[in-house]
Amino acid sequence: MYLLLFSILQRRVLWRNQWIKELHHNGFTVMVQHLLAIRISNRFNEN
């Protein structure tokens, strides 16, 4: 029972790591950082 749960968790972690690698590869994080930078600059401009 515990082994089954452990294998499921391990597979999920591996899948998540692969997903993160795919996002990095696609430049998704760059886009998010760009959007965050725009949001921060807009907030500074409002003040």
Protein backbone atom coordinates (compact mmCIF):
# COMPACT_ATOMS: atom_id res chain seq x y z
CA MET A 1 0.00 0.00 0.00
CA TYR A 2 2.70 2.46 1.00
CA LEU A 3 4.80 1.44 -1.98
CA LEU A 4 1.89 2.14 -4.30
CA LEU A 5 1.36 5.60 -2.82
CA PHE A 6 5.07 6.32 -2.97
CA SER A 7 5.29 5.31 -6.63
CA ILE A 8 2.31 7.52 -7.47
CA LEU A 9 3.84 10.48 -5.65
CA GLN A 10 7.21 9.88 -7.27
CA ARG A 11 5.63 9.71 -10.71
CA ARG A 12 3.73 12.92 -10.04
CA VAL A 13 6.92 14.71 -8.96
CA LEU A 14 8.75 13.48 -12.05
CA TRP A 15 5.86 14.61 -14.25
CA ARG A 16 5.86 18.03 -12.58
CA ASN A 17 9.61 18.41 -13.10
CA GLN A 18 9.19 17.49 -16.77
CA TRP A 19 6.34 20.01 -17.07
CA ILE A 20 8.51 22.75 -15.52
CA LYS A 21 11.32 21.90 -17.94
CA GLU A 22 8.88 22.17 -20.84
CA LEU A 23 7.67 25.55 -19.62
CA HIS A 24 11.23 26.81 -19.27
CA HIS A 25 12.03 25.49 -22.73
CA ASN A 26 9.05 27.31 -24.20
CA GLY A 27 10.12 30.57 -22.60
CA PHE A 28 7.00 30.66 -20.43
CA THR A 29 8.92 31.96 -17.41
CA VAL A 30 10.32 34.81 -19.51
CA MET A 31 6.79 35.81 -20.47
CA VAL A 32 5.63 35.68 -16.84
CA GLN A 33 8.59 37.79 -15.72
CA HIS A 34 7.81 40.27 -18.49
CA LEU A 35 4.17 40.52 -17.38
CA LEU A 36 5.24 40.94 -13.76
CA ALA A 37 7.66 43.70 -14.75
CA ILE A 38 4.87 45.51 -16.61
CA ARG A 39 2.54 45.18 -13.63
CA ILE A 40 5.20 46.48 -11.22
CA SER A 41 6.06 49.43 -13.48
CA ASN A 42 2.36 50.30 -13.82
CA ARG A 43 2.01 50.26 -10.04
CA PHE A 44 4.97 52.63 -9.71
CA ASN A 45 3.52 54.94 -12.35
CA GLU A 46 0.20 55.14 -10.50
CA ASN A 47 1.83 56.36 -7.28
